[in-house]
PDB file of all heavy atoms in Angstrom:
ATOM      1  N   ALA A   1      -8.135   7.616  -6.045  1.00  0.00           N
ATOM      2  CA  ALA A   1      -9.338   7.216  -5.319  1.00  0.00           C
ATOM      3  C   ALA A   1      -9.319   5.732  -4.983  1.00  0.00           C
ATOM      4  O   ALA A   1      -9.861   5.318  -3.939  1.00  0.00           O
ATOM      5  CB  ALA A   1     -10.583   7.550  -6.141  1.00  0.00           C
ATOM      6  N   ASP A   2      -8.700   4.901  -5.837  1.00  0.00           N
ATOM      7  CA  ASP A   2      -8.617   3.470  -5.546  1.00  0.00           C
ATOM      8  C   ASP A   2      -7.805   3.223  -4.276  1.00  0.00           C
ATOM      9  O   ASP A   2      -8.127   2.325  -3.487  1.00  0.00           O
ATOM     10  CB  ASP A   2      -7.980   2.719  -6.717  1.00  0.00           C
ATOM     11  CG  ASP A   2      -8.879   2.658  -7.934  1.00  0.00           C
ATOM     12  OD1 ASP A   2     -10.077   2.389  -7.760  1.00  0.00           O
ATOM     13  OD2 ASP A   2      -8.382   2.892  -9.053  1.00  0.00           O
ATOM     14  N   TYR A   3      -6.757   4.008  -4.107  1.00  0.00           N
ATOM     15  CA  TYR A   3      -5.963   3.884  -2.882  1.00  0.00           C
ATOM     16  C   TYR A   3      -6.740   4.433  -1.686  1.00  0.00           C
ATOM     17  O   TYR A   3      -6.847   3.770  -0.645  1.00  0.00           O
ATOM     18  CB  TYR A   3      -4.635   4.628  -3.026  1.00  0.00           C
ATOM     19  CG  TYR A   3      -3.730   4.448  -1.824  1.00  0.00           C
ATOM     20  CD1 TYR A   3      -2.851   3.365  -1.765  1.00  0.00           C
ATOM     21  CD2 TYR A   3      -3.764   5.331  -0.753  1.00  0.00           C
ATOM     22  CE1 TYR A   3      -2.030   3.176  -0.662  1.00  0.00           C
ATOM     23  CE2 TYR A   3      -2.954   5.146   0.359  1.00  0.00           C
ATOM     24  CZ  TYR A   3      -2.087   4.072   0.394  1.00  0.00           C
ATOM     25  OH  TYR A   3      -1.281   3.876   1.502  1.00  0.00           O
ATOM     26  N   GLU A   4      -7.274   5.634  -1.836  1.00  0.00           N
ATOM     27  CA  GLU A   4      -7.957   6.288  -0.723  1.00  0.00           C
ATOM     28  C   GLU A   4      -9.173   5.502  -0.255  1.00  0.00           C
ATOM     29  O   GLU A   4      -9.459   5.433   0.947  1.00  0.00           O
ATOM     30  CB  GLU A   4      -8.378   7.702  -1.136  1.00  0.00           C
ATOM     31  CG  GLU A   4      -7.194   8.640  -1.358  1.00  0.00           C
ATOM     32  CD  GLU A   4      -7.618   9.991  -1.908  1.00  0.00           C
ATOM     33  OE1 GLU A   4      -8.593  10.022  -2.691  1.00  0.00           O
ATOM     34  OE2 GLU A   4      -6.987  10.998  -1.564  1.00  0.00           O
ATOM     35  N   ASN A   5      -9.892   4.890  -1.185  1.00  0.00           N
ATOM     36  CA  ASN A   5     -11.129   4.175  -0.850  1.00  0.00           C
ATOM     37  C   ASN A   5     -10.940   2.674  -0.668  1.00  0.00           C
ATOM     38  O   ASN A   5     -11.915   1.955  -0.455  1.00  0.00           O
ATOM     39  CB  ASN A   5     -12.186   4.433  -1.928  1.00  0.00           C
ATOM     40  CG  ASN A   5     -12.551   5.895  -2.036  1.00  0.00           C
ATOM     41  OD1 ASN A   5     -12.598   6.605  -1.030  1.00  0.00           O
ATOM     42  ND2 ASN A   5     -12.805   6.365  -3.256  1.00  0.00           N
ATOM     43  N   ASN A   6      -9.683   2.236  -0.774  1.00  0.00           N
ATOM     44  CA  ASN A   6      -9.364   0.820  -0.523  1.00  0.00           C
ATOM     45  C   ASN A   6     -10.238  -0.095  -1.381  1.00  0.00           C
ATOM     46  O   ASN A   6     -10.932  -0.990  -0.871  1.00  0.00           O
ATOM     47  CB  ASN A   6      -9.548   0.498   0.964  1.00  0.00           C
ATOM     48  CG  ASN A   6      -8.810  -0.768   1.385  1.00  0.00           C
ATOM     49  OD1 ASN A   6      -8.034  -1.325   0.628  1.00  0.00           O
ATOM     50  ND2 ASN A   6      -9.073  -1.231   2.599  1.00  0.00           N
ATOM     51  N   THR A   7     -10.159   0.113  -2.702  1.00  0.00           N
ATOM     52  CA  THR A   7     -11.070  -0.584  -3.620  1.00  0.00           C
ATOM     53  C   THR A   7     -10.641  -2.014  -3.944  1.00  0.00           C
ATOM     54  O   THR A   7     -11.350  -2.704  -4.682  1.00  0.00           O
ATOM     55  CB  THR A   7     -11.210   0.211  -4.929  1.00  0.00           C
ATOM     56  OG1 THR A   7      -9.915   0.359  -5.541  1.00  0.00           O
ATOM     57  CG2 THR A   7     -11.831   1.574  -4.675  1.00  0.00           C
ATOM     58  N   GLY A   8      -9.486  -2.457  -3.440  1.00  0.00           N
ATOM     59  CA  GLY A   8      -9.110  -3.855  -3.629  1.00  0.00           C
ATOM     60  C   GLY A   8      -8.080  -4.087  -4.713  1.00  0.00           C
ATOM     61  O   GLY A   8      -7.435  -3.168  -5.201  1.00  0.00           O
ATOM     62  N   THR A   9      -7.978  -5.338  -5.132  1.00  0.00           N
ATOM     63  CA  THR A   9      -6.882  -5.771  -6.001  1.00  0.00           C
ATOM     64  C   THR A   9      -7.178  -5.631  -7.489  1.00  0.00           C
ATOM     65  O   THR A   9      -6.462  -6.185  -8.315  1.00  0.00           O
ATOM     66  CB  THR A   9      -6.515  -7.232  -5.693  1.00  0.00           C
ATOM     67  OG1 THR A   9      -7.676  -8.055  -5.880  1.00  0.00           O
ATOM     68  CG2 THR A   9      -6.018  -7.379  -4.264  1.00  0.00           C
ATOM     69  N   GLY A  10      -8.198  -4.890  -7.837  1.00  0.00           N
ATOM     70  CA  GLY A  10      -8.477  -4.675  -9.253  1.00  0.00           C
ATOM     71  C   GLY A  10      -7.495  -3.740  -9.917  1.00  0.00           C
ATOM     72  O   GLY A  10      -7.367  -3.732 -11.139  1.00  0.00           O
ATOM     73  N   THR A  11      -6.789  -2.948  -9.126  1.00  0.00           N
ATOM     74  CA  THR A  11      -5.803  -2.006  -9.648  1.00  0.00           C
ATOM     75  C   THR A  11      -4.536  -2.055  -8.800  1.00  0.00           C
ATOM     76  O   THR A  11      -4.555  -2.519  -7.653  1.00  0.00           O
ATOM     77  CB  THR A  11      -6.331  -0.559  -9.628  1.00  0.00           C
ATOM     78  OG1 THR A  11      -6.498  -0.146  -8.259  1.00  0.00           O
ATOM     79  CG2 THR A  11      -7.653  -0.437 -10.367  1.00  0.00           C
ATOM     80  N   SER A  12      -3.455  -1.546  -9.362  1.00  0.00           N
ATOM     81  CA  SER A  12      -2.212  -1.453  -8.588  1.00  0.00           C
ATOM     82  C   SER A  12      -2.377  -0.496  -7.425  1.00  0.00           C
ATOM     83  O   SER A  12      -1.853  -0.727  -6.329  1.00  0.00           O
ATOM     84  CB  SER A  12      -1.066  -0.997  -9.498  1.00  0.00           C
ATOM     85  OG  SER A  12      -0.795  -1.972 -10.472  1.00  0.00           O
ATOM     86  N   SER A  13      -3.100   0.597  -7.655  1.00  0.00           N
ATOM     87  CA  SER A  13      -3.314   1.585  -6.610  1.00  0.00           C
ATOM     88  C   SER A  13      -4.042   0.978  -5.409  1.00  0.00           C
ATOM     89  O   SER A  13      -3.616   1.119  -4.257  1.00  0.00           O
ATOM     90  CB  SER A  13      -4.112   2.769  -7.159  1.00  0.00           C
ATOM     91  OG  SER A  13      -4.304   3.760  -6.170  1.00  0.00           O
ATOM     92  N   GLY A  14      -5.142   0.288  -5.658  1.00  0.00           N
ATOM     93  CA  GLY A  14      -5.865  -0.364  -4.575  1.00  0.00           C
ATOM     94  C   GLY A  14      -5.038  -1.431  -3.893  1.00  0.00           C
ATOM     95  O   GLY A  14      -5.138  -1.635  -2.674  1.00  0.00           O
ATOM     96  N   SER A  15      -4.178  -2.109  -4.664  1.00  0.00           N
ATOM     97  CA  SER A  15      -3.330  -3.159  -4.098  1.00  0.00           C
ATOM     98  C   SER A  15      -2.277  -2.586  -3.161  1.00  0.00           C
ATOM     99  O   SER A  15      -1.966  -3.190  -2.123  1.00  0.00           O
ATOM    100  CB  SER A  15      -2.673  -3.949  -5.230  1.00  0.00           C
ATOM    101  OG  SER A  15      -3.650  -4.599  -6.018  1.00  0.00           O
ATOM    102  N   PHE A  16      -1.731  -1.437  -3.512  1.00  0.00           N
ATOM    103  CA  PHE A  16      -0.761  -0.804  -2.626  1.00  0.00           C
ATOM    104  C   PHE A  16      -1.396  -0.471  -1.279  1.00  0.00           C
ATOM    105  O   PHE A  16      -0.741  -0.545  -0.235  1.00  0.00           O
ATOM    106  CB  PHE A  16      -0.173   0.451  -3.276  1.00  0.00           C
ATOM    107  CG  PHE A  16       1.113   0.222  -3.997  1.00  0.00           C
ATOM    108  CD1 PHE A  16       1.128  -0.016  -5.366  1.00  0.00           C
ATOM    109  CD2 PHE A  16       2.322   0.247  -3.318  1.00  0.00           C
ATOM    110  CE1 PHE A  16       2.328  -0.237  -6.042  1.00  0.00           C
ATOM    111  CE2 PHE A  16       3.526   0.031  -3.983  1.00  0.00           C
ATOM    112  CZ  PHE A  16       3.532  -0.216  -5.347  1.00  0.00           C
ATOM    113  N   ARG A  17      -2.667  -0.114  -1.285  1.00  0.00           N
ATOM    114  CA  ARG A  17      -3.352   0.191  -0.021  1.00  0.00           C
ATOM    115  C   ARG A  17      -3.406  -1.057   0.868  1.00  0.00           C
ATOM    116  O   ARG A  17      -3.167  -0.983   2.084  1.00  0.00           O
ATOM    117  CB  ARG A  17      -4.757   0.707  -0.307  1.00  0.00           C
ATOM    118  CG  ARG A  17      -5.613   0.926   0.943  1.00  0.00           C
ATOM    119  CD  ARG A  17      -5.029   1.985   1.880  1.00  0.00           C
ATOM    120  NE  ARG A  17      -5.857   2.102   3.074  1.00  0.00           N
ATOM    121  CZ  ARG A  17      -6.906   2.928   3.176  1.00  0.00           C
ATOM    122  NH1 ARG A  17      -7.260   3.695   2.149  1.00  0.00           N
ATOM    123  NH2 ARG A  17      -7.593   2.979   4.295  1.00  0.00           N
ATOM    124  N   ILE A  18      -3.683  -2.208   0.266  1.00  0.00           N
ATOM    125  CA  ILE A  18      -3.724  -3.457   1.026  1.00  0.00           C
ATOM    126  C   ILE A  18      -2.357  -3.772   1.616  1.00  0.00           C
ATOM    127  O   ILE A  18      -2.235  -4.169   2.785  1.00  0.00           O
ATOM    128  CB  ILE A  18      -4.212  -4.610   0.124  1.00  0.00           C
ATOM    129  CG1 ILE A  18      -5.683  -4.392  -0.263  1.00  0.00           C
ATOM    130  CG2 ILE A  18      -4.022  -5.961   0.805  1.00  0.00           C
ATOM    131  CD1 ILE A  18      -6.199  -5.357  -1.303  1.00  0.00           C
ATOM    132  N   ILE A  19      -1.319  -3.577   0.814  1.00  0.00           N
ATOM    133  CA  ILE A  19       0.051  -3.853   1.277  1.00  0.00           C
ATOM    134  C   ILE A  19       0.423  -2.921   2.426  1.00  0.00           C
ATOM    135  O   ILE A  19       0.936  -3.357   3.470  1.00  0.00           O
ATOM    136  CB  ILE A  19       1.046  -3.708   0.108  1.00  0.00           C
ATOM    137  CG1 ILE A  19       0.770  -4.770  -0.964  1.00  0.00           C
ATOM    138  CG2 ILE A  19       2.485  -3.818   0.613  1.00  0.00           C
ATOM    139  CD1 ILE A  19       1.484  -4.517  -2.277  1.00  0.00           C
ATOM    140  N   VAL A  20       0.162  -1.641   2.261  1.00  0.00           N
ATOM    141  CA  VAL A  20       0.501  -0.659   3.290  1.00  0.00           C
ATOM    142  C   VAL A  20      -0.262  -0.943   4.579  1.00  0.00           C
ATOM    143  O   VAL A  20       0.313  -0.909   5.683  1.00  0.00           O
ATOM    144  CB  VAL A  20       0.217   0.770   2.781  1.00  0.00           C
ATOM    145  CG1 VAL A  20       0.255   1.775   3.937  1.00  0.00           C
ATOM    146  CG2 VAL A  20       1.229   1.161   1.709  1.00  0.00           C
ATOM    147  N   ASP A  21      -1.548  -1.244   4.467  1.00  0.00           N
ATOM    148  CA  ASP A  21      -2.348  -1.535   5.660  1.00  0.00           C
ATOM    149  C   ASP A  21      -1.803  -2.755   6.394  1.00  0.00           C
ATOM    150  O   ASP A  21      -1.784  -2.795   7.637  1.00  0.00           O
ATOM    151  CB  ASP A  21      -3.813  -1.754   5.285  1.00  0.00           C
ATOM    152  CG  ASP A  21      -4.540  -0.452   4.970  1.00  0.00           C
ATOM    153  OD1 ASP A  21      -3.950   0.630   5.163  1.00  0.00           O
ATOM    154  OD2 ASP A  21      -5.703  -0.529   4.508  1.00  0.00           O
ATOM    155  N   LYS A  22      -1.367  -3.759   5.662  1.00  0.00           N
ATOM    156  CA  LYS A  22      -0.811  -4.959   6.287  1.00  0.00           C
ATOM    157  C   LYS A  22       0.468  -4.632   7.053  1.00  0.00           C
ATOM    158  O   LYS A  22       0.652  -5.092   8.194  1.00  0.00           O
ATOM    159  CB  LYS A  22      -0.530  -6.014   5.214  1.00  0.00           C
ATOM    160  CG  LYS A  22       0.133  -7.278   5.745  1.00  0.00           C
ATOM    161  CD  LYS A  22      -0.753  -8.012   6.735  1.00  0.00           C
ATOM    162  CE  LYS A  22      -0.113  -9.312   7.191  1.00  0.00           C
ATOM    163  NZ  LYS A  22      -0.970 -10.055   8.163  1.00  0.00           N
ATOM    164  N   LEU A  23       1.325  -3.840   6.455  1.00  0.00           N
ATOM    165  CA  LEU A  23       2.589  -3.501   7.119  1.00  0.00           C
ATOM    166  C   LEU A  23       2.328  -2.684   8.377  1.00  0.00           C
ATOM    167  O   LEU A  23       2.983  -2.883   9.408  1.00  0.00           O
ATOM    168  CB  LEU A  23       3.499  -2.750   6.155  1.00  0.00           C
ATOM    169  CG  LEU A  23       3.872  -3.506   4.863  1.00  0.00           C
ATOM    170  CD1 LEU A  23       4.862  -2.701   4.044  1.00  0.00           C
ATOM    171  CD2 LEU A  23       4.422  -4.894   5.175  1.00  0.00           C
ATOM    172  N   LYS A  24       1.385  -1.772   8.308  1.00  0.00           N
ATOM    173  CA  LYS A  24       1.033  -0.983   9.487  1.00  0.00           C
ATOM    174  C   LYS A  24       0.492  -1.875  10.599  1.00  0.00           C
ATOM    175  O   LYS A  24       0.749  -1.630  11.785  1.00  0.00           O
ATOM    176  CB  LYS A  24      -0.004   0.083   9.124  1.00  0.00           C
ATOM    177  CG  LYS A  24       0.537   1.241   8.298  1.00  0.00           C
ATOM    178  CD  LYS A  24      -0.586   2.235   8.004  1.00  0.00           C
ATOM    179  CE  LYS A  24      -0.103   3.450   7.242  1.00  0.00           C
ATOM    180  NZ  LYS A  24      -1.200   4.406   6.964  1.00  0.00           N
ATOM    181  N   SER A  25      -0.250  -2.912  10.219  1.00  0.00           N
ATOM    182  CA  SER A  25      -0.815  -3.806  11.231  1.00  0.00           C
ATOM    183  C   SER A  25       0.265  -4.646  11.898  1.00  0.00           C
ATOM    184  O   SER A  25       0.115  -5.049  13.058  1.00  0.00           O
ATOM    185  CB  SER A  25      -1.871  -4.722  10.600  1.00  0.00           C
ATOM    186  OG  SER A  25      -1.278  -5.735   9.806  1.00  0.00           O
ATOM    187  N   LEU A  26       1.344  -4.921  11.187  1.00  0.00           N
ATOM    188  CA  LEU A  26       2.436  -5.706  11.747  1.00  0.00           C
ATOM    189  C   LEU A  26       3.260  -4.903  12.740  1.00  0.00           C
ATOM    190  O   LEU A  26       3.730  -5.426  13.749  1.00  0.00           O
ATOM    191  CB  LEU A  26       3.333  -6.232  10.621  1.00  0.00           C
ATOM    192  CG  LEU A  26       2.723  -7.309   9.729  1.00  0.00           C
ATOM    193  CD1 LEU A  26       3.606  -7.551   8.512  1.00  0.00           C
ATOM    194  CD2 LEU A  26       2.522  -8.605  10.507  1.00  0.00           C
ATOM    195  N   ASN A  27       3.457  -3.624  12.433  1.00  0.00           N
ATOM    196  CA  ASN A  27       4.226  -2.757  13.329  1.00  0.00           C
ATOM    197  C   ASN A  27       3.883  -1.309  13.019  1.00  0.00           C
ATOM    198  O   ASN A  27       4.360  -0.756  12.026  1.00  0.00           O
ATOM    199  CB  ASN A  27       5.733  -2.995  13.180  1.00  0.00           C
ATOM    200  CG  ASN A  27       6.550  -2.156  14.142  1.00  0.00           C
ATOM    201  OD1 ASN A  27       6.009  -1.407  14.957  1.00  0.00           O
ATOM    202  ND2 ASN A  27       7.868  -2.268  14.060  1.00  0.00           N
ATOM    203  N   LYS A  28       3.058  -0.711  13.880  1.00  0.00           N
ATOM    204  CA  LYS A  28       2.626   0.666  13.655  1.00  0.00           C
ATOM    205  C   LYS A  28       3.802   1.644  13.657  1.00  0.00           C
ATOM    206  O   LYS A  28       3.732   2.705  13.043  1.00  0.00           O
ATOM    207  CB  LYS A  28       1.612   1.076  14.716  1.00  0.00           C
ATOM    208  CG  LYS A  28       0.280   0.348  14.611  1.00  0.00           C
ATOM    209  CD  LYS A  28      -0.686   0.825  15.675  1.00  0.00           C
ATOM    210  CE  LYS A  28      -2.012   0.094  15.570  1.00  0.00           C
ATOM    211  NZ  LYS A  28      -2.981   0.536  16.618  1.00  0.00           N
ATOM    212  N   GLY A  29       4.860   1.282  14.366  1.00  0.00           N
ATOM    213  CA  GLY A  29       6.003   2.187  14.466  1.00  0.00           C
ATOM    214  C   GLY A  29       7.081   1.951  13.436  1.00  0.00           C
ATOM    215  O   GLY A  29       8.123   2.630  13.461  1.00  0.00           O
ATOM    216  N   ALA A  30       6.873   0.996  12.542  1.00  0.00           N
ATOM    217  CA  ALA A  30       7.906   0.685  11.551  1.00  0.00           C
ATOM    218  C   ALA A  30       8.049   1.799  10.529  1.00  0.00           C
ATOM    219  O   ALA A  30       7.099   2.530  10.237  1.00  0.00           O
ATOM    220  CB  ALA A  30       7.566  -0.616  10.832  1.00  0.00           C
ATOM    221  N   GLN A  31       9.248   1.919   9.983  1.00  0.00           N
ATOM    222  CA  GLN A  31       9.464   2.826   8.860  1.00  0.00           C
ATOM    223  C   GLN A  31       9.151   2.079   7.570  1.00  0.00           C
ATOM    224  O   GLN A  31       9.619   0.954   7.366  1.00  0.00           O
ATOM    225  CB  GLN A  31      10.915   3.317   8.841  1.00  0.00           C
ATOM    226  CG  GLN A  31      11.185   4.312   7.721  1.00  0.00           C
ATOM    227  CD  GLN A  31      12.623   4.837   7.699  1.00  0.00           C
ATOM    228  OE1 GLN A  31      12.960   5.682   6.876  1.00  0.00           O
ATOM    229  NE2 GLN A  31      13.448   4.347   8.586  1.00  0.00           N
ATOM    230  N   ILE A  32       8.342   2.690   6.718  1.00  0.00           N
ATOM    231  CA  ILE A  32       7.984   2.108   5.426  1.00  0.00           C
ATOM    232  C   ILE A  32       8.574   2.996   4.334  1.00  0.00           C
ATOM    233  O   ILE A  32       8.299   4.191   4.275  1.00  0.00           O
ATOM    234  CB  ILE A  32       6.456   1.990   5.260  1.00  0.00           C
ATOM    235  CG1 ILE A  32       5.877   1.082   6.349  1.00  0.00           C
ATOM    236  CG2 ILE A  32       6.106   1.469   3.869  1.00  0.00           C
ATOM    237  CD1 ILE A  32       4.354   1.014   6.347  1.00  0.00           C
ATOM    238  N   ILE A  33       9.406   2.404   3.502  1.00  0.00           N
ATOM    239  CA  ILE A  33      10.057   3.114   2.403  1.00  0.00           C
ATOM    240  C   ILE A  33       9.529   2.550   1.084  1.00  0.00           C
ATOM    241  O   ILE A  33       9.581   1.341   0.859  1.00  0.00           O
ATOM    242  CB  ILE A  33      11.593   2.959   2.464  1.00  0.00           C
ATOM    243  CG1 ILE A  33      12.141   3.461   3.798  1.00  0.00           C
ATOM    244  CG2 ILE A  33      12.257   3.699   1.292  1.00  0.00           C
ATOM    245  CD1 ILE A  33      13.625   3.166   4.008  1.00  0.00           C
ATOM    246  N   LEU A  34       9.028   3.412   0.237  1.00  0.00           N
ATOM    247  CA  LEU A  34       8.539   2.999  -1.074  1.00  0.00           C
ATOM    248  C   LEU A  34       9.609   3.248  -2.132  1.00  0.00           C
ATOM    249  O   LEU A  34      10.313   4.256  -2.086  1.00  0.00           O
ATOM    250  CB  LEU A  34       7.265   3.758  -1.441  1.00  0.00           C
ATOM    251  CG  LEU A  34       6.091   3.669  -0.449  1.00  0.00           C
ATOM    252  CD1 LEU A  34       4.889   4.426  -1.004  1.00  0.00           C
ATOM    253  CD2 LEU A  34       5.723   2.219  -0.151  1.00  0.00           C
ATOM    254  N   ILE A  35       9.707   2.325  -3.075  1.00  0.00           N
ATOM    255  CA  ILE A  35      10.700   2.424  -4.150  1.00  0.00           C
ATOM    256  C   ILE A  35       9.970   2.342  -5.484  1.00  0.00           C
ATOM    257  O   ILE A  35       9.227   1.386  -5.739  1.00  0.00           O
ATOM    258  CB  ILE A  35      11.738   1.290  -4.055  1.00  0.00           C
ATOM    259  CG1 ILE A  35      12.381   1.253  -2.652  1.00  0.00           C
ATOM    260  CG2 ILE A  35      12.806   1.444  -5.136  1.00  0.00           C
ATOM    261  CD1 ILE A  35      13.262   0.038  -2.421  1.00  0.00           C
ATOM    262  N   THR A  36      10.152   3.336  -6.331  1.00  0.00           N
ATOM    263  CA  THR A  36       9.483   3.315  -7.624  1.00  0.00           C
ATOM    264  C   THR A  36      10.179   2.330  -8.566  1.00  0.00           C
ATOM    265  O   THR A  36      11.364   2.026  -8.406  1.00  0.00           O
ATOM    266  CB  THR A  36       9.513   4.699  -8.310  1.00  0.00           C
ATOM    267  OG1 THR A  36      10.834   4.954  -8.809  1.00  0.00           O
ATOM    268  CG2 THR A  36       9.087   5.803  -7.368  1.00  0.00           C
ATOM    269  N   PRO A  37       9.445   1.815  -9.552  1.00  0.00           N
ATOM    270  CA  PRO A  37      10.130   1.056 -10.602  1.00  0.00           C
ATOM    271  C   PRO A  37      11.121   1.960 -11.327  1.00  0.00           C
ATOM    272  O   PRO A  37      10.941   3.173 -11.382  1.00  0.00           O
ATOM    273  CB  PRO A  37       8.998   0.612 -11.525  1.00  0.00           C
ATOM    274  CG  PRO A  37       7.866   1.548 -11.248  1.00  0.00           C
ATOM    275  CD  PRO A  37       8.006   1.944  -9.818  1.00  0.00           C
ATOM    276  N   MET A  38      12.175   1.360 -11.831  1.00  0.00           N
ATOM    277  CA  MET A  38      13.172   2.126 -12.570  1.00  0.00           C
ATOM    278  C   MET A  38      12.917   1.975 -14.069  1.00  0.00           C
ATOM    279  O   MET A  38      12.218   1.055 -14.510  1.00  0.00           O
ATOM    280  CB  MET A  38      14.579   1.636 -12.232  1.00  0.00           C
ATOM    281  CG  MET A  38      14.848   0.199 -12.589  1.00  0.00           C
ATOM    282  SD  MET A  38      16.403  -0.408 -11.908  1.00  0.00           S
ATOM    283  CE  MET A  38      16.715  -1.792 -13.017  1.00  0.00           C
ATOM    284  N   GLN A  39      13.450   2.871 -14.835  1.00  0.00           N
ATOM    285  CA  GLN A  39      13.342   2.752 -16.284  1.00  0.00           C
ATOM    286  C   GLN A  39      14.049   1.479 -16.748  1.00  0.00           C
ATOM    287  O   GLN A  39      14.983   1.003 -16.097  1.00  0.00           O
ATOM    288  CB  GLN A  39      13.944   3.984 -16.958  1.00  0.00           C
ATOM    289  CG  GLN A  39      13.197   5.271 -16.651  1.00  0.00           C
ATOM    290  CD  GLN A  39      13.806   6.473 -17.337  1.00  0.00           C
ATOM    291  OE1 GLN A  39      14.119   6.445 -18.525  1.00  0.00           O
ATOM    292  NE2 GLN A  39      13.976   7.555 -16.587  1.00  0.00           N
TER     293      GLN A  39
END
C-alpha cells in the first residue's frame, strides 16, 4: 500500500515509488530493470 498510495520516504516501499515515478518522467519509453539485493 505504501507503494500504491505513494506514501513517501518513510518506508522503502514508498521510496521506490518516488524513484520509479522520477524515471518515468525522464523517459516514458525507457526500460526500467529492478535488481533485488543479494544474500
